[in-house]
Amino acid sequence: EIRRIKGLPIAGYDKETNRPYIEYPDGR
């Protein structure tokens, strides 16, 4: 939540594709 407020990318994991990702503030 802090990273979203600051406009920083967030690391995540897509359970459908079983792959890690980085989500940028623009949603990419």
mmCIF file of all heavy atoms, coordinates in Angstrom:
data_MODEL
# 
_entry.id   MODEL 
# 
loop_
_atom_site.group_PDB 
_atom_site.id 
_atom_site.type_symbol 
_atom_site.label_atom_id 
_atom_site.label_alt_id 
_atom_site.label_comp_id 
_atom_site.label_asym_id 
_atom_site.label_entity_id 
_atom_site.label_seq_id 
_atom_site.pdbx_PDB_ins_code 
_atom_site.Cartn_x 
_atom_site.Cartn_y 
_atom_site.Cartn_z 
_atom_site.occupancy 
_atom_site.B_iso_or_equiv 
_atom_site.pdbx_formal_charge 
_atom_site.auth_seq_id 
_atom_site.auth_comp_id 
_atom_site.auth_asym_id 
_atom_site.auth_atom_id 
_atom_site.pdbx_PDB_model_num 
ATOM 1   N N   . GLU A 1 1  ? 0.835  -1.202  0.000   1.00 0.00 ? 1  GLU A N   1 
ATOM 2   C CA  . GLU A 1 1  ? 0.000  0.000   0.000   1.00 0.00 ? 1  GLU A CA  1 
ATOM 3   C C   . GLU A 1 1  ? 0.875  1.258   0.000   1.00 0.00 ? 1  GLU A C   1 
ATOM 4   O O   . GLU A 1 1  ? 0.597  2.219   -0.728  1.00 0.00 ? 1  GLU A O   1 
ATOM 5   C CB  . GLU A 1 1  ? -0.934 -0.015  1.216   1.00 0.00 ? 1  GLU A CB  1 
ATOM 6   C CG  . GLU A 1 1  ? -2.044 0.986   1.152   1.00 0.00 ? 1  GLU A CG  1 
ATOM 7   C CD  . GLU A 1 1  ? -3.008 0.743   0.016   1.00 0.00 ? 1  GLU A CD  1 
ATOM 8   O OE1 . GLU A 1 1  ? -3.239 -0.429  -0.345  1.00 0.00 ? 1  GLU A OE1 1 
ATOM 9   O OE2 . GLU A 1 1  ? -3.536 1.725   -0.531  1.00 0.00 ? 1  GLU A OE2 1 
ATOM 10  N N   . ILE A 1 2  ? 1.918  1.259   0.793   1.00 0.00 ? 2  ILE A N   1 
ATOM 11  C CA  . ILE A 1 2  ? 2.853  2.394   0.834   1.00 0.00 ? 2  ILE A CA  1 
ATOM 12  C C   . ILE A 1 2  ? 3.507  2.578   -0.529  1.00 0.00 ? 2  ILE A C   1 
ATOM 13  O O   . ILE A 1 2  ? 3.632  3.697   -1.032  1.00 0.00 ? 2  ILE A O   1 
ATOM 14  C CB  . ILE A 1 2  ? 3.911  2.191   1.942   1.00 0.00 ? 2  ILE A CB  1 
ATOM 15  C CG1 . ILE A 1 2  ? 3.253  2.315   3.312   1.00 0.00 ? 2  ILE A CG1 1 
ATOM 16  C CG2 . ILE A 1 2  ? 5.059  3.187   1.798   1.00 0.00 ? 2  ILE A CG2 1 
ATOM 17  C CD1 . ILE A 1 2  ? 4.138  1.878   4.470   1.00 0.00 ? 2  ILE A CD1 1 
ATOM 18  N N   . ARG A 1 3  ? 3.914  1.474   -1.153  1.00 0.00 ? 3  ARG A N   1 
ATOM 19  C CA  . ARG A 1 3  ? 4.553  1.551   -2.469  1.00 0.00 ? 3  ARG A CA  1 
ATOM 20  C C   . ARG A 1 3  ? 3.580  2.103   -3.511  1.00 0.00 ? 3  ARG A C   1 
ATOM 21  O O   . ARG A 1 3  ? 3.972  2.864   -4.385  1.00 0.00 ? 3  ARG A O   1 
ATOM 22  C CB  . ARG A 1 3  ? 5.093  0.188   -2.883  1.00 0.00 ? 3  ARG A CB  1 
ATOM 23  C CG  . ARG A 1 3  ? 6.249  -0.271  -1.981  1.00 0.00 ? 3  ARG A CG  1 
ATOM 24  C CD  . ARG A 1 3  ? 6.798  -1.620  -2.372  1.00 0.00 ? 3  ARG A CD  1 
ATOM 25  N NE  . ARG A 1 3  ? 7.522  -1.595  -3.627  1.00 0.00 ? 3  ARG A NE  1 
ATOM 26  C CZ  . ARG A 1 3  ? 8.765  -1.134  -3.771  1.00 0.00 ? 3  ARG A CZ  1 
ATOM 27  N NH1 . ARG A 1 3  ? 9.417  -0.672  -2.733  1.00 0.00 ? 3  ARG A NH1 1 
ATOM 28  N NH2 . ARG A 1 3  ? 9.348  -1.146  -4.957  1.00 0.00 ? 3  ARG A NH2 1 
ATOM 29  N N   . ARG A 1 4  ? 2.297  1.712   -3.438  1.00 0.00 ? 4  ARG A N   1 
ATOM 30  C CA  . ARG A 1 4  ? 1.296  2.245   -4.376  1.00 0.00 ? 4  ARG A CA  1 
ATOM 31  C C   . ARG A 1 4  ? 1.164  3.755   -4.203  1.00 0.00 ? 4  ARG A C   1 
ATOM 32  O O   . ARG A 1 4  ? 1.098  4.501   -5.177  1.00 0.00 ? 4  ARG A O   1 
ATOM 33  C CB  . ARG A 1 4  ? -0.061 1.587   -4.147  1.00 0.00 ? 4  ARG A CB  1 
ATOM 34  C CG  . ARG A 1 4  ? -0.202 0.256   -4.803  1.00 0.00 ? 4  ARG A CG  1 
ATOM 35  C CD  . ARG A 1 4  ? -1.642 -0.261  -4.757  1.00 0.00 ? 4  ARG A CD  1 
ATOM 36  N NE  . ARG A 1 4  ? -1.693 -1.591  -5.310  1.00 0.00 ? 4  ARG A NE  1 
ATOM 37  C CZ  . ARG A 1 4  ? -1.629 -2.714  -4.600  1.00 0.00 ? 4  ARG A CZ  1 
ATOM 38  N NH1 . ARG A 1 4  ? -1.542 -2.656  -3.290  1.00 0.00 ? 4  ARG A NH1 1 
ATOM 39  N NH2 . ARG A 1 4  ? -1.653 -3.884  -5.188  1.00 0.00 ? 4  ARG A NH2 1 
ATOM 40  N N   . ILE A 1 5  ? 1.091  4.205   -2.957  1.00 0.00 ? 5  ILE A N   1 
ATOM 41  C CA  . ILE A 1 5  ? 0.954  5.634   -2.668  1.00 0.00 ? 5  ILE A CA  1 
ATOM 42  C C   . ILE A 1 5  ? 2.152  6.407   -3.202  1.00 0.00 ? 5  ILE A C   1 
ATOM 43  O O   . ILE A 1 5  ? 2.006  7.496   -3.760  1.00 0.00 ? 5  ILE A O   1 
ATOM 44  C CB  . ILE A 1 5  ? 0.772  5.864   -1.155  1.00 0.00 ? 5  ILE A CB  1 
ATOM 45  C CG1 . ILE A 1 5  ? -0.591 5.338   -0.708  1.00 0.00 ? 5  ILE A CG1 1 
ATOM 46  C CG2 . ILE A 1 5  ? 0.941  7.335   -0.794  1.00 0.00 ? 5  ILE A CG2 1 
ATOM 47  C CD1 . ILE A 1 5  ? -0.766 5.240   0.794   1.00 0.00 ? 5  ILE A CD1 1 
ATOM 48  N N   . LYS A 1 6  ? 3.338  5.839   -3.066  1.00 0.00 ? 6  LYS A N   1 
ATOM 49  C CA  . LYS A 1 6  ? 4.568  6.505   -3.531  1.00 0.00 ? 6  LYS A CA  1 
ATOM 50  C C   . LYS A 1 6  ? 4.775  6.356   -5.036  1.00 0.00 ? 6  LYS A C   1 
ATOM 51  O O   . LYS A 1 6  ? 5.683  6.962   -5.594  1.00 0.00 ? 6  LYS A O   1 
ATOM 52  C CB  . LYS A 1 6  ? 5.785  5.924   -2.808  1.00 0.00 ? 6  LYS A CB  1 
ATOM 53  C CG  . LYS A 1 6  ? 5.849  6.300   -1.346  1.00 0.00 ? 6  LYS A CG  1 
ATOM 54  C CD  . LYS A 1 6  ? 7.105  5.739   -0.719  1.00 0.00 ? 6  LYS A CD  1 
ATOM 55  C CE  . LYS A 1 6  ? 7.244  6.172   0.727   1.00 0.00 ? 6  LYS A CE  1 
ATOM 56  N NZ  . LYS A 1 6  ? 8.486  5.668   1.320   1.00 0.00 ? 6  LYS A NZ  1 
ATOM 57  N N   . GLY A 1 7  ? 3.956  5.540   -5.698  1.00 0.00 ? 7  GLY A N   1 
ATOM 58  C CA  . GLY A 1 7  ? 4.092  5.345   -7.133  1.00 0.00 ? 7  GLY A CA  1 
ATOM 59  C C   . GLY A 1 7  ? 5.238  4.431   -7.511  1.00 0.00 ? 7  GLY A C   1 
ATOM 60  O O   . GLY A 1 7  ? 5.819  4.562   -8.585  1.00 0.00 ? 7  GLY A O   1 
ATOM 61  N N   . LEU A 1 8  ? 5.559  3.476   -6.653  1.00 0.00 ? 8  LEU A N   1 
ATOM 62  C CA  . LEU A 1 8  ? 6.643  2.536   -6.904  1.00 0.00 ? 8  LEU A CA  1 
ATOM 63  C C   . LEU A 1 8  ? 6.083  1.202   -7.399  1.00 0.00 ? 8  LEU A C   1 
ATOM 64  O O   . LEU A 1 8  ? 4.943  0.854   -7.111  1.00 0.00 ? 8  LEU A O   1 
ATOM 65  C CB  . LEU A 1 8  ? 7.445  2.308   -5.612  1.00 0.00 ? 8  LEU A CB  1 
ATOM 66  C CG  . LEU A 1 8  ? 8.111  3.543   -5.016  1.00 0.00 ? 8  LEU A CG  1 
ATOM 67  C CD1 . LEU A 1 8  ? 8.688  3.211   -3.640  1.00 0.00 ? 8  LEU A CD1 1 
ATOM 68  C CD2 . LEU A 1 8  ? 9.179  4.062   -5.949  1.00 0.00 ? 8  LEU A CD2 1 
ATOM 69  N N   . PRO A 1 9  ? 6.887  0.437   -8.134  1.00 0.00 ? 9  PRO A N   1 
ATOM 70  C CA  . PRO A 1 9  ? 6.418  -0.880  -8.593  1.00 0.00 ? 9  PRO A CA  1 
ATOM 71  C C   . PRO A 1 9  ? 6.267  -1.859  -7.437  1.00 0.00 ? 9  PRO A C   1 
ATOM 72  O O   . PRO A 1 9  ? 6.921  -1.735  -6.399  1.00 0.00 ? 9  PRO A O   1 
ATOM 73  C CB  . PRO A 1 9  ? 7.505  -1.347  -9.558  1.00 0.00 ? 9  PRO A CB  1 
ATOM 74  C CG  . PRO A 1 9  ? 8.678  -0.502  -9.294  1.00 0.00 ? 9  PRO A CG  1 
ATOM 75  C CD  . PRO A 1 9  ? 8.209  0.749   -8.633  1.00 0.00 ? 9  PRO A CD  1 
ATOM 76  N N   . ILE A 1 10 ? 5.386  -2.838  -7.641  1.00 0.00 ? 10 ILE A N   1 
ATOM 77  C CA  . ILE A 1 10 ? 5.085  -3.836  -6.616  1.00 0.00 ? 10 ILE A CA  1 
ATOM 78  C C   . ILE A 1 10 ? 5.324  -5.224  -7.202  1.00 0.00 ? 10 ILE A C   1 
ATOM 79  O O   . ILE A 1 10 ? 4.883  -5.527  -8.307  1.00 0.00 ? 10 ILE A O   1 
ATOM 80  C CB  . ILE A 1 10 ? 3.613  -3.717  -6.166  1.00 0.00 ? 10 ILE A CB  1 
ATOM 81  C CG1 . ILE A 1 10 ? 3.380  -2.355  -5.535  1.00 0.00 ? 10 ILE A CG1 1 
ATOM 82  C CG2 . ILE A 1 10 ? 3.234  -4.839  -5.209  1.00 0.00 ? 10 ILE A CG2 1 
ATOM 83  C CD1 . ILE A 1 10 ? 1.935  -2.028  -5.318  1.00 0.00 ? 10 ILE A CD1 1 
ATOM 84  N N   . ALA A 1 11 ? 6.019  -6.056  -6.455  1.00 0.00 ? 11 ALA A N   1 
ATOM 85  C CA  . ALA A 1 11 ? 6.242  -7.439  -6.872  1.00 0.00 ? 11 ALA A CA  1 
ATOM 86  C C   . ALA A 1 11 ? 5.023  -8.271  -6.513  1.00 0.00 ? 11 ALA A C   1 
ATOM 87  O O   . ALA A 1 11 ? 4.385  -8.055  -5.480  1.00 0.00 ? 11 ALA A O   1 
ATOM 88  C CB  . ALA A 1 11 ? 7.477  -8.008  -6.193  1.00 0.00 ? 11 ALA A CB  1 
ATOM 89  N N   . GLY A 1 12 ? 4.685  -9.221  -7.372  1.00 0.00 ? 12 GLY A N   1 
ATOM 90  C CA  . GLY A 1 12 ? 3.540  -10.085 -7.122  1.00 0.00 ? 12 GLY A CA  1 
ATOM 91  C C   . GLY A 1 12 ? 3.747  -11.447 -7.754  1.00 0.00 ? 12 GLY A C   1 
ATOM 92  O O   . GLY A 1 12 ? 4.779  -11.710 -8.376  1.00 0.00 ? 12 GLY A O   1 
ATOM 93  N N   . TYR A 1 13 ? 2.744  -12.301 -7.594  1.00 0.00 ? 13 TYR A N   1 
ATOM 94  C CA  . TYR A 1 13 ? 2.803  -13.643 -8.156  1.00 0.00 ? 13 TYR A CA  1 
ATOM 95  C C   . TYR A 1 13 ? 1.452  -13.963 -8.770  1.00 0.00 ? 13 TYR A C   1 
ATOM 96  O O   . TYR A 1 13 ? 0.415  -13.850 -8.115  1.00 0.00 ? 13 TYR A O   1 
ATOM 97  C CB  . TYR A 1 13 ? 3.149  -14.663 -7.068  1.00 0.00 ? 13 TYR A CB  1 
ATOM 98  C CG  . TYR A 1 13 ? 3.397  -16.041 -7.601  1.00 0.00 ? 13 TYR A CG  1 
ATOM 99  C CD1 . TYR A 1 13 ? 4.612  -16.363 -8.197  1.00 0.00 ? 13 TYR A CD1 1 
ATOM 100 C CD2 . TYR A 1 13 ? 2.420  -17.018 -7.527  1.00 0.00 ? 13 TYR A CD2 1 
ATOM 101 C CE1 . TYR A 1 13 ? 4.843  -17.632 -8.708  1.00 0.00 ? 13 TYR A CE1 1 
ATOM 102 C CE2 . TYR A 1 13 ? 2.640  -18.290 -8.031  1.00 0.00 ? 13 TYR A CE2 1 
ATOM 103 C CZ  . TYR A 1 13 ? 3.854  -18.594 -8.611  1.00 0.00 ? 13 TYR A CZ  1 
ATOM 104 O OH  . TYR A 1 13 ? 4.083  -19.840 -9.115  1.00 0.00 ? 13 TYR A OH  1 
ATOM 105 N N   . ASP A 1 14 ? 1.461  -14.324 -10.039 1.00 0.00 ? 14 ASP A N   1 
ATOM 106 C CA  . ASP A 1 14 ? 0.240  -14.669 -10.762 1.00 0.00 ? 14 ASP A CA  1 
ATOM 107 C C   . ASP A 1 14 ? -0.010 -16.163 -10.595 1.00 0.00 ? 14 ASP A C   1 
ATOM 108 O O   . ASP A 1 14 ? 0.738  -16.991 -11.115 1.00 0.00 ? 14 ASP A O   1 
ATOM 109 C CB  . ASP A 1 14 ? 0.405  -14.309 -12.234 1.00 0.00 ? 14 ASP A CB  1 
ATOM 110 C CG  . ASP A 1 14 ? -0.892 -14.426 -13.010 1.00 0.00 ? 14 ASP A CG  1 
ATOM 111 O OD1 . ASP A 1 14 ? -1.803 -15.150 -12.568 1.00 0.00 ? 14 ASP A OD1 1 
ATOM 112 O OD2 . ASP A 1 14 ? -0.974 -13.788 -14.064 1.00 0.00 ? 14 ASP A OD2 1 
ATOM 113 N N   . LYS A 1 15 ? -1.048 -16.517 -9.862  1.00 0.00 ? 15 LYS A N   1 
ATOM 114 C CA  . LYS A 1 15 ? -1.345 -17.924 -9.589  1.00 0.00 ? 15 LYS A CA  1 
ATOM 115 C C   . LYS A 1 15 ? -1.836 -18.656 -10.835 1.00 0.00 ? 15 LYS A C   1 
ATOM 116 O O   . LYS A 1 15 ? -1.666 -19.860 -10.947 1.00 0.00 ? 15 LYS A O   1 
ATOM 117 C CB  . LYS A 1 15 ? -2.384 -18.038 -8.465  1.00 0.00 ? 15 LYS A CB  1 
ATOM 118 C CG  . LYS A 1 15 ? -1.843 -17.601 -7.129  1.00 0.00 ? 15 LYS A CG  1 
ATOM 119 C CD  . LYS A 1 15 ? -2.885 -17.716 -6.046  1.00 0.00 ? 15 LYS A CD  1 
ATOM 120 C CE  . LYS A 1 15 ? -2.333 -17.215 -4.726  1.00 0.00 ? 15 LYS A CE  1 
ATOM 121 N NZ  . LYS A 1 15 ? -3.319 -17.245 -3.665  1.00 0.00 ? 15 LYS A NZ  1 
ATOM 122 N N   . GLU A 1 16 ? -2.449 -17.936 -11.773 1.00 0.00 ? 16 GLU A N   1 
ATOM 123 C CA  . GLU A 1 16 ? -2.944 -18.563 -12.998 1.00 0.00 ? 16 GLU A CA  1 
ATOM 124 C C   . GLU A 1 16 ? -1.800 -19.032 -13.895 1.00 0.00 ? 16 GLU A C   1 
ATOM 125 O O   . GLU A 1 16 ? -1.852 -20.108 -14.471 1.00 0.00 ? 16 GLU A O   1 
ATOM 126 C CB  . GLU A 1 16 ? -3.839 -17.602 -13.760 1.00 0.00 ? 16 GLU A CB  1 
ATOM 127 C CG  . GLU A 1 16 ? -5.152 -17.329 -13.062 1.00 0.00 ? 16 GLU A CG  1 
ATOM 128 C CD  . GLU A 1 16 ? -6.010 -16.328 -13.821 1.00 0.00 ? 16 GLU A CD  1 
ATOM 129 O OE1 . GLU A 1 16 ? -5.695 -16.016 -14.996 1.00 0.00 ? 16 GLU A OE1 1 
ATOM 130 O OE2 . GLU A 1 16 ? -6.984 -15.856 -13.239 1.00 0.00 ? 16 GLU A OE2 1 
ATOM 131 N N   . THR A 1 17 ? -0.762 -18.198 -14.021 1.00 0.00 ? 17 THR A N   1 
ATOM 132 C CA  . THR A 1 17 ? 0.372  -18.552 -14.884 1.00 0.00 ? 17 THR A CA  1 
ATOM 133 C C   . THR A 1 17 ? 1.553  -19.102 -14.096 1.00 0.00 ? 17 THR A C   1 
ATOM 134 O O   . THR A 1 17 ? 2.543  -19.514 -14.696 1.00 0.00 ? 17 THR A O   1 
ATOM 135 C CB  . THR A 1 17 ? 0.846  -17.328 -15.688 1.00 0.00 ? 17 THR A CB  1 
ATOM 136 O OG1 . THR A 1 17 ? 1.312  -16.321 -14.773 1.00 0.00 ? 17 THR A OG1 1 
ATOM 137 C CG2 . THR A 1 17 ? -0.259 -16.768 -16.559 1.00 0.00 ? 17 THR A CG2 1 
ATOM 138 N N   . ASN A 1 18 ? 1.452  -19.070 -12.770 1.00 0.00 ? 18 ASN A N   1 
ATOM 139 C CA  . ASN A 1 18 ? 2.536  -19.534 -11.895 1.00 0.00 ? 18 ASN A CA  1 
ATOM 140 C C   . ASN A 1 18 ? 3.851  -18.815 -12.170 1.00 0.00 ? 18 ASN A C   1 
ATOM 141 O O   . ASN A 1 18 ? 4.909  -19.443 -12.235 1.00 0.00 ? 18 ASN A O   1 
ATOM 142 C CB  . ASN A 1 18 ? 2.724  -21.051 -11.999 1.00 0.00 ? 18 ASN A CB  1 
ATOM 143 C CG  . ASN A 1 18 ? 1.535  -21.803 -11.464 1.00 0.00 ? 18 ASN A CG  1 
ATOM 144 O OD1 . ASN A 1 18 ? 0.917  -21.381 -10.489 1.00 0.00 ? 18 ASN A OD1 1 
ATOM 145 N ND2 . ASN A 1 18 ? 1.196  -22.900 -12.111 1.00 0.00 ? 18 ASN A ND2 1 
ATOM 146 N N   . ARG A 1 19 ? 3.760  -17.498 -12.347 1.00 0.00 ? 19 ARG A N   1 
ATOM 147 C CA  . ARG A 1 19 ? 4.952  -16.703 -12.627 1.00 0.00 ? 19 ARG A CA  1 
ATOM 148 C C   . ARG A 1 19 ? 4.961  -15.438 -11.788 1.00 0.00 ? 19 ARG A C   1 
ATOM 149 O O   . ARG A 1 19 ? 3.918  -14.809 -11.581 1.00 0.00 ? 19 ARG A O   1 
ATOM 150 C CB  . ARG A 1 19 ? 4.983  -16.314 -14.105 1.00 0.00 ? 19 ARG A CB  1 
ATOM 151 C CG  . ARG A 1 19 ? 5.177  -17.513 -15.010 1.00 0.00 ? 19 ARG A CG  1 
ATOM 152 C CD  . ARG A 1 19 ? 4.982  -17.197 -16.463 1.00 0.00 ? 19 ARG A CD  1 
ATOM 153 N NE  . ARG A 1 19 ? 5.769  -16.060 -16.914 1.00 0.00 ? 19 ARG A NE  1 
ATOM 154 C CZ  . ARG A 1 19 ? 5.510  -15.404 -18.044 1.00 0.00 ? 19 ARG A CZ  1 
ATOM 155 N NH1 . ARG A 1 19 ? 4.523  -15.768 -18.806 1.00 0.00 ? 19 ARG A NH1 1 
ATOM 156 N NH2 . ARG A 1 19 ? 6.265  -14.387 -18.389 1.00 0.00 ? 19 ARG A NH2 1 
ATOM 157 N N   . PRO A 1 20 ? 6.143  -15.025 -11.331 1.00 0.00 ? 20 PRO A N   1 
ATOM 158 C CA  . PRO A 1 20 ? 6.259  -13.750 -10.612 1.00 0.00 ? 20 PRO A CA  1 
ATOM 159 C C   . PRO A 1 20 ? 6.220  -12.584 -11.607 1.00 0.00 ? 20 PRO A C   1 
ATOM 160 O O   . PRO A 1 20 ? 6.537  -12.746 -12.785 1.00 0.00 ? 20 PRO A O   1 
ATOM 161 C CB  . PRO A 1 20 ? 7.614  -13.854 -9.927  1.00 0.00 ? 20 PRO A CB  1 
ATOM 162 C CG  . PRO A 1 20 ? 8.392  -14.794 -10.760 1.00 0.00 ? 20 PRO A CG  1 
ATOM 163 C CD  . PRO A 1 20 ? 7.405  -15.750 -11.360 1.00 0.00 ? 20 PRO A CD  1 
ATOM 164 N N   . TYR A 1 21 ? 5.808  -11.428 -11.113 1.00 0.00 ? 21 TYR A N   1 
ATOM 165 C CA  . TYR A 1 21 ? 5.758  -10.240 -11.961 1.00 0.00 ? 21 TYR A CA  1 
ATOM 166 C C   . TYR A 1 21 ? 6.034  -8.996  -11.132 1.00 0.00 ? 21 TYR A C   1 
ATOM 167 O O   . TYR A 1 21 ? 6.025  -9.022  -9.907  1.00 0.00 ? 21 TYR A O   1 
ATOM 168 C CB  . TYR A 1 21 ? 4.400  -10.117 -12.653 1.00 0.00 ? 21 TYR A CB  1 
ATOM 169 C CG  . TYR A 1 21 ? 3.248  -9.928  -11.691 1.00 0.00 ? 21 TYR A CG  1 
ATOM 170 C CD1 . TYR A 1 21 ? 2.908  -8.667  -11.204 1.00 0.00 ? 21 TYR A CD1 1 
ATOM 171 C CD2 . TYR A 1 21 ? 2.490  -11.010 -11.261 1.00 0.00 ? 21 TYR A CD2 1 
ATOM 172 C CE1 . TYR A 1 21 ? 1.854  -8.499  -10.325 1.00 0.00 ? 21 TYR A CE1 1 
ATOM 173 C CE2 . TYR A 1 21 ? 1.438  -10.854 -10.390 1.00 0.00 ? 21 TYR A CE2 1 
ATOM 174 C CZ  . TYR A 1 21 ? 1.120  -9.595  -9.920  1.00 0.00 ? 21 TYR A CZ  1 
ATOM 175 O OH  . TYR A 1 21 ? 0.094  -9.426  -9.039  1.00 0.00 ? 21 TYR A OH  1 
ATOM 176 N N   . ILE A 1 22 ? 6.275  -7.913  -11.857 1.00 0.00 ? 22 ILE A N   1 
ATOM 177 C CA  . ILE A 1 22 ? 6.368  -6.586  -11.237 1.00 0.00 ? 22 ILE A CA  1 
ATOM 178 C C   . ILE A 1 22 ? 5.253  -5.754  -11.850 1.00 0.00 ? 22 ILE A C   1 
ATOM 179 O O   . ILE A 1 22 ? 5.121  -5.678  -13.075 1.00 0.00 ? 22 ILE A O   1 
ATOM 180 C CB  . ILE A 1 22 ? 7.737  -5.936  -11.480 1.00 0.00 ? 22 ILE A CB  1 
ATOM 181 C CG1 . ILE A 1 22 ? 8.806  -6.754  -10.778 1.00 0.00 ? 22 ILE A CG1 1 
ATOM 182 C CG2 . ILE A 1 22 ? 7.737  -4.490  -11.001 1.00 0.00 ? 22 ILE A CG2 1 
ATOM 183 C CD1 . ILE A 1 22 ? 10.200 -6.203  -10.879 1.00 0.00 ? 22 ILE A CD1 1 
ATOM 184 N N   . GLU A 1 23 ? 4.421  -5.161  -10.989 1.00 0.00 ? 23 GLU A N   1 
ATOM 185 C CA  . GLU A 1 23 ? 3.322  -4.327  -11.457 1.00 0.00 ? 23 GLU A CA  1 
ATOM 186 C C   . GLU A 1 23 ? 3.690  -2.869  -11.237 1.00 0.00 ? 23 GLU A C   1 
ATOM 187 O O   . GLU A 1 23 ? 4.037  -2.455  -10.135 1.00 0.00 ? 23 GLU A O   1 
ATOM 188 C CB  . GLU A 1 23 ? 2.031  -4.656  -10.700 1.00 0.00 ? 23 GLU A CB  1 
ATOM 189 C CG  . GLU A 1 23 ? 0.847  -3.904  -11.214 1.00 0.00 ? 23 GLU A CG  1 
ATOM 190 C CD  . GLU A 1 23 ? -0.449 -4.319  -10.556 1.00 0.00 ? 23 GLU A CD  1 
ATOM 191 O OE1 . GLU A 1 23 ? -0.501 -5.397  -9.947  1.00 0.00 ? 23 GLU A OE1 1 
ATOM 192 O OE2 . GLU A 1 23 ? -1.413 -3.556  -10.663 1.00 0.00 ? 23 GLU A OE2 1 
ATOM 193 N N   . TYR A 1 24 ? 3.617  -2.103  -12.318 1.00 0.00 ? 24 TYR A N   1 
ATOM 194 C CA  . TYR A 1 24 ? 3.973  -0.693  -12.274 1.00 0.00 ? 24 TYR A CA  1 
ATOM 195 C C   . TYR A 1 24 ? 2.737  0.158   -11.972 1.00 0.00 ? 24 TYR A C   1 
ATOM 196 O O   . TYR A 1 24 ? 1.599  -0.308  -12.148 1.00 0.00 ? 24 TYR A O   1 
ATOM 197 C CB  . TYR A 1 24 ? 4.620  -0.292  -13.599 1.00 0.00 ? 24 TYR A CB  1 
ATOM 198 C CG  . TYR A 1 24 ? 5.965  -0.964  -13.775 1.00 0.00 ? 24 TYR A CG  1 
ATOM 199 C CD1 . TYR A 1 24 ? 6.072  -2.187  -14.432 1.00 0.00 ? 24 TYR A CD1 1 
ATOM 200 C CD2 . TYR A 1 24 ? 7.115  -0.406  -13.241 1.00 0.00 ? 24 TYR A CD2 1 
ATOM 201 C CE1 . TYR A 1 24 ? 7.298  -2.819  -14.572 1.00 0.00 ? 24 TYR A CE1 1 
ATOM 202 C CE2 . TYR A 1 24 ? 8.344  -1.032  -13.372 1.00 0.00 ? 24 TYR A CE2 1 
ATOM 203 C CZ  . TYR A 1 24 ? 8.423  -2.231  -14.035 1.00 0.00 ? 24 TYR A CZ  1 
ATOM 204 O OH  . TYR A 1 24 ? 9.626  -2.861  -14.150 1.00 0.00 ? 24 TYR A OH  1 
ATOM 205 N N   . PRO A 1 25 ? 2.929  1.384   -11.525 1.00 0.00 ? 25 PRO A N   1 
ATOM 206 C CA  . PRO A 1 25 ? 1.790  2.234   -11.157 1.00 0.00 ? 25 PRO A CA  1 
ATOM 207 C C   . PRO A 1 25 ? 0.762  2.437   -12.269 1.00 0.00 ? 25 PRO A C   1 
ATOM 208 O O   . PRO A 1 25 ? -0.410 2.647   -11.992 1.00 0.00 ? 25 PRO A O   1 
ATOM 209 C CB  . PRO A 1 25 ? 2.446  3.570   -10.791 1.00 0.00 ? 25 PRO A CB  1 
ATOM 210 C CG  . PRO A 1 25 ? 3.821  3.198   -10.358 1.00 0.00 ? 25 PRO A CG  1 
ATOM 211 C CD  . PRO A 1 25 ? 4.205  2.031   -11.226 1.00 0.00 ? 25 PRO A CD  1 
ATOM 212 N N   . ASP A 1 26 ? 1.184  2.321   -13.536 1.00 0.00 ? 26 ASP A N   1 
ATOM 213 C CA  . ASP A 1 26 ? 0.248  2.494   -14.642 1.00 0.00 ? 26 ASP A CA  1 
ATOM 214 C C   . ASP A 1 26 ? -0.569 1.229   -14.919 1.00 0.00 ? 26 ASP A C   1 
ATOM 215 O O   . ASP A 1 26 ? -1.381 1.171   -15.838 1.00 0.00 ? 26 ASP A O   1 
ATOM 216 C CB  . ASP A 1 26 ? 0.971  2.934   -15.910 1.00 0.00 ? 26 ASP A CB  1 
ATOM 217 C CG  . ASP A 1 26 ? 2.013  1.933   -16.402 1.00 0.00 ? 26 ASP A CG  1 
ATOM 218 O OD1 . ASP A 1 26 ? 2.134  0.841   -15.802 1.00 0.00 ? 26 ASP A OD1 1 
ATOM 219 O OD2 . ASP A 1 26 ? 2.701  2.238   -17.393 1.00 0.00 ? 26 ASP A OD2 1 
ATOM 220 N N   . GLY A 1 27 ? -0.342 0.151   -14.114 1.00 0.00 ? 27 GLY A N   1 
ATOM 221 C CA  . GLY A 1 27 ? -1.094 -1.080  -14.246 1.00 0.00 ? 27 GLY A CA  1 
ATOM 222 C C   . GLY A 1 27 ? -0.402 -2.139  -15.110 1.00 0.00 ? 27 GLY A C   1 
ATOM 223 O O   . GLY A 1 27 ? -0.863 -3.265  -15.204 1.00 0.00 ? 27 GLY A O   1 
ATOM 224 N N   . ARG A 1 28 ? 0.673  -1.757  -15.758 1.00 0.00 ? 28 ARG A N   1 
ATOM 225 C CA  . ARG A 1 28 ? 1.420  -2.676  -16.614 1.00 0.00 ? 28 ARG A CA  1 
ATOM 226 C C   . ARG A 1 28 ? 2.134  -3.725  -15.757 1.00 0.00 ? 28 ARG A C   1 
ATOM 227 O O   . ARG A 1 28 ? 2.685  -3.409  -14.720 1.00 0.00 ? 28 ARG A O   1 
ATOM 228 C CB  . ARG A 1 28 ? 2.429  -1.853  -17.411 1.00 0.00 ? 28 ARG A CB  1 
ATOM 229 C CG  . ARG A 1 28 ? 3.374  -2.608  -18.262 1.00 0.00 ? 28 ARG A CG  1 
ATOM 230 C CD  . ARG A 1 28 ? 4.252  -1.652  -19.070 1.00 0.00 ? 28 ARG A CD  1 
ATOM 231 N NE  . ARG A 1 28 ? 4.840  -0.604  -18.258 1.00 0.00 ? 28 ARG A NE  1 
ATOM 232 C CZ  . ARG A 1 28 ? 6.082  -0.642  -17.756 1.00 0.00 ? 28 ARG A CZ  1 
ATOM 233 N NH1 . ARG A 1 28 ? 6.840  -1.680  -17.993 1.00 0.00 ? 28 ARG A NH1 1 
ATOM 234 N NH2 . ARG A 1 28 ? 6.541  0.352   -17.043 1.00 0.00 ? 28 ARG A NH2 1 
# 
